[in-house]
């Protein structure tokens, strides 16, 4: 009797379809874990931002002075000392400049 060989035989070097699918599913699940963690962190951060914004809007609704240019202290500053809004003197006094102190030696 003759030994019948299968017409299509899987090569021993390559994975079988079943093993390939199992490895692929494990790989996809491994990749999905960090994505789920990151999206959860992002959602919690967005919830915090929305809650903070809602609180600020609520505070703004009950405030007597809602804009800085209508504040009497700011008006007095410009009238007595600061010159005009967006002027050179007020820009120098009210705006800060970043100084990188990480390279300074202690």
C-alpha atoms as a PDB file:
ATOM      1  CA  UNK A   1       0.000   0.000   0.000  1.00  0.00           C
ATOM      2  CA  UNK A   2       1.125   3.487  -0.789  1.00  0.00           C
ATOM      3  CA  UNK A   3       1.459   6.154   1.903  1.00  0.00           C
ATOM      4  CA  UNK A   4      -0.881   8.949   1.030  1.00  0.00           C
ATOM      5  CA  UNK A   5       0.567  12.374   1.733  1.00  0.00           C
ATOM      6  CA  UNK A   6      -1.814  15.244   2.251  1.00  0.00           C
ATOM      7  CA  UNK A   7      -2.106  17.522  -0.708  1.00  0.00           C
ATOM      8  CA  UNK A   8      -1.348  20.619   1.399  1.00  0.00           C
ATOM      9  CA  UNK A   9       0.951  20.177   4.328  1.00  0.00           C
ATOM     10  CA  UNK A  10       1.813  23.047   6.688  1.00  0.00           C
ATOM     11  CA  UNK A  11       5.424  24.029   6.699  1.00  0.00           C
ATOM     12  CA  UNK A  12       7.045  23.361  10.082  1.00  0.00           C
ATOM     13  CA  UNK A  13       8.798  26.754   9.973  1.00  0.00           C
ATOM     14  CA  UNK A  14       5.598  28.785   9.938  1.00  0.00           C
ATOM     15  CA  UNK A  15       2.904  28.860  12.583  1.00  0.00           C
ATOM     16  CA  UNK A  16      -0.358  27.115  12.106  1.00  0.00           C
ATOM     17  CA  UNK A  17      -3.419  29.290  11.627  1.00  0.00           C
ATOM     18  CA  UNK A  18      -4.675  28.454  15.102  1.00  0.00           C
ATOM     19  CA  UNK A  19      -1.372  29.423  16.775  1.00  0.00           C
ATOM     20  CA  UNK A  20      -1.112  32.559  14.637  1.00  0.00           C
ATOM     21  CA  UNK A  21      -4.613  33.670  15.675  1.00  0.00           C
ATOM     22  CA  UNK A  22      -3.874  32.977  19.351  1.00  0.00           C
ATOM     23  CA  UNK A  23      -0.653  34.998  19.245  1.00  0.00           C
ATOM     24  CA  UNK A  24      -2.367  37.788  17.308  1.00  0.00           C
ATOM     25  CA  UNK A  25      -5.226  37.968  19.815  1.00  0.00           C
ATOM     26  CA  UNK A  26      -2.779  38.103  22.726  1.00  0.00           C
ATOM     27  CA  UNK A  27      -0.840  40.872  20.966  1.00  0.00           C
ATOM     28  CA  UNK A  28      -3.978  42.930  20.311  1.00  0.00           C
ATOM     29  CA  UNK A  29      -5.120  42.482  23.926  1.00  0.00           C
ATOM     30  CA  UNK A  30      -1.699  43.608  25.146  1.00  0.00           C
ATOM     31  CA  UNK A  31      -1.900  46.724  22.990  1.00  0.00           C
ATOM     32  CA  UNK A  32      -5.466  47.453  24.090  1.00  0.00           C
ATOM     33  CA  UNK A  33      -4.556  47.658  27.791  1.00  0.00           C
ATOM     34  CA  UNK A  34      -2.459  50.868  27.557  1.00  0.00           C
ATOM     35  CA  UNK A  35      -4.995  52.422  25.182  1.00  0.00           C
ATOM     36  CA  UNK A  36      -7.811  51.750  27.654  1.00  0.00           C
ATOM     37  CA  UNK A  37      -5.727  53.103  30.542  1.00  0.00           C
ATOM     38  CA  UNK A  38      -4.847  56.264  28.619  1.00  0.00           C
ATOM     39  CA  UNK A  39      -8.417  56.888  27.475  1.00  0.00           C
ATOM     40  CA  UNK A  40      -9.632  56.422  31.077  1.00  0.00           C
ATOM     41  CA  UNK A  41      -7.074  58.963  32.330  1.00  0.00           C
ATOM     42  CA  UNK A  42      -8.051  61.388  29.572  1.00  0.00           C
ATOM     43  CA  UNK A  43     -11.759  61.015  30.365  1.00  0.00           C
ATOM     44  CA  UNK A  44     -11.140  61.663  34.075  1.00  0.00           C
ATOM     45  CA  UNK A  45      -9.029  64.738  33.205  1.00  0.00           C
ATOM     46  CA  UNK A  46     -11.792  66.036  30.926  1.00  0.00           C
ATOM     47  CA  UNK A  47     -14.353  65.500  33.697  1.00  0.00           C
ATOM     48  CA  UNK A  48     -12.164  67.569  36.035  1.00  0.00           C
ATOM     49  CA  UNK A  49     -11.821  70.351  33.464  1.00  0.00           C
ATOM     50  CA  UNK A  50     -15.576  70.420  32.843  1.00  0.00           C
ATOM     51  CA  UNK A  51     -16.336  70.548  36.575  1.00  0.00           C
ATOM     52  CA  UNK A  52     -13.802  73.344  37.097  1.00  0.00           C
ATOM     53  CA  UNK A  53     -15.207  75.319  34.160  1.00  0.00           C
ATOM     54  CA  UNK A  54     -18.744  74.918  35.493  1.00  0.00           C
ATOM     55  CA  UNK A  55     -17.614  76.171  38.904  1.00  0.00           C
ATOM     56  CA  UNK A  56     -15.851  79.185  37.410  1.00  0.00           C
ATOM     57  CA  UNK A  57     -18.886  80.079  35.300  1.00  0.00           C
ATOM     58  CA  UNK A  58     -21.086  79.770  38.370  1.00  0.00           C
ATOM     59  CA  UNK A  59     -18.762  82.078  40.330  1.00  0.00           C
ATOM     60  CA  UNK A  60     -18.749  84.493  37.406  1.00  0.00           C
ATOM     61  CA  UNK A  61     -22.541  84.624  37.307  1.00  0.00           C
ATOM     62  CA  UNK A  62     -22.807  85.776  40.931  1.00  0.00           C
ATOM     63  CA  UNK A  63     -19.839  88.176  40.819  1.00  0.00           C
ATOM     64  CA  UNK A  64     -20.514  91.904  40.944  1.00  0.00           C
ATOM     65  CA  UNK A  65     -17.636  92.716  38.608  1.00  0.00           C
ATOM     66  CA  UNK A  66     -17.350  90.223  35.780  1.00  0.00           C
ATOM     67  CA  UNK A  67     -14.632  91.862  33.660  1.00  0.00           C
ATOM     68  CA  UNK A  68     -11.265  93.223  34.749  1.00  0.00           C
ATOM     69  CA  UNK A  69     -11.486  96.507  32.825  1.00  0.00           C
ATOM     70  CA  UNK A  70     -14.616  97.436  34.843  1.00  0.00           C
ATOM     71  CA  UNK A  71     -12.797  96.866  38.139  1.00  0.00           C
ATOM     72  CA  UNK A  72     -12.361 100.144  40.041  1.00  0.00           C
ATOM     73  CA  UNK A  73      -8.893  99.153  41.285  1.00  0.00           C
ATOM     74  CA  UNK A  74      -7.693  98.535  37.726  1.00  0.00           C
ATOM     75  CA  UNK A  75      -9.209 101.802  36.543  1.00  0.00           C
ATOM     76  CA  UNK A  76      -7.465 103.631  39.399  1.00  0.00           C
ATOM     77  CA  UNK A  77      -4.129 101.949  38.531  1.00  0.00           C
ATOM     78  CA  UNK A  78      -4.285 103.161  34.932  1.00  0.00           C
ATOM     79  CA  UNK A  79      -5.480 106.630  35.903  1.00  0.00           C
ATOM     80  CA  UNK A  80      -2.777 107.260  38.520  1.00  0.00           C
ATOM     81  CA  UNK A  81       0.195 105.160  37.499  1.00  0.00           C
ATOM     82  CA  UNK A  82      -0.003 102.715  34.607  1.00  0.00           C
ATOM     83  CA  UNK A  83      -0.687 105.066  31.749  1.00  0.00           C
ATOM     84  CA  UNK A  84      -2.920 103.360  29.216  1.00  0.00           C
ATOM     85  CA  UNK A  85      -3.927  99.736  28.732  1.00  0.00           C
ATOM     86  CA  UNK A  86      -1.517  97.872  26.448  1.00  0.00           C
ATOM     87  CA  UNK A  87       0.926 100.749  26.804  1.00  0.00           C
ATOM     88  CA  UNK A  88       4.695 100.307  27.146  1.00  0.00           C
ATOM     89  CA  UNK A  89       4.833 101.108  30.876  1.00  0.00           C
ATOM     90  CA  UNK A  90       1.912  98.832  31.813  1.00  0.00           C
ATOM     91  CA  UNK A  91       3.388  96.067  29.655  1.00  0.00           C
ATOM     92  CA  UNK A  92       6.728  96.286  31.480  1.00  0.00           C
ATOM     93  CA  UNK A  93       5.078  96.329  34.908  1.00  0.00           C
ATOM     94  CA  UNK A  94       2.331  93.752  34.473  1.00  0.00           C
ATOM     95  CA  UNK A  95       3.876  91.115  32.218  1.00  0.00           C
ATOM     96  CA  UNK A  96       6.317  88.522  33.451  1.00  0.00           C
ATOM     97  CA  UNK A  97       9.247  87.006  31.612  1.00  0.00           C
ATOM     98  CA  UNK A  98      10.453  83.424  31.871  1.00  0.00           C
ATOM     99  CA  UNK A  99      13.970  82.856  33.145  1.00  0.00           C
ATOM    100  CA  UNK A 100      15.296  79.301  32.882  1.00  0.00           C
ATOM    101  CA  UNK A 101      16.889  78.658  36.262  1.00  0.00           C
ATOM    102  CA  UNK A 102      17.560  74.967  35.760  1.00  0.00           C
ATOM    103  CA  UNK A 103      21.023  75.691  34.351  1.00  0.00           C
ATOM    104  CA  UNK A 104      22.085  77.970  37.216  1.00  0.00           C
ATOM    105  CA  UNK A 105      24.513  76.492  39.679  1.00  0.00           C
ATOM    106  CA  UNK A 106      23.442  76.552  43.322  1.00  0.00           C
END
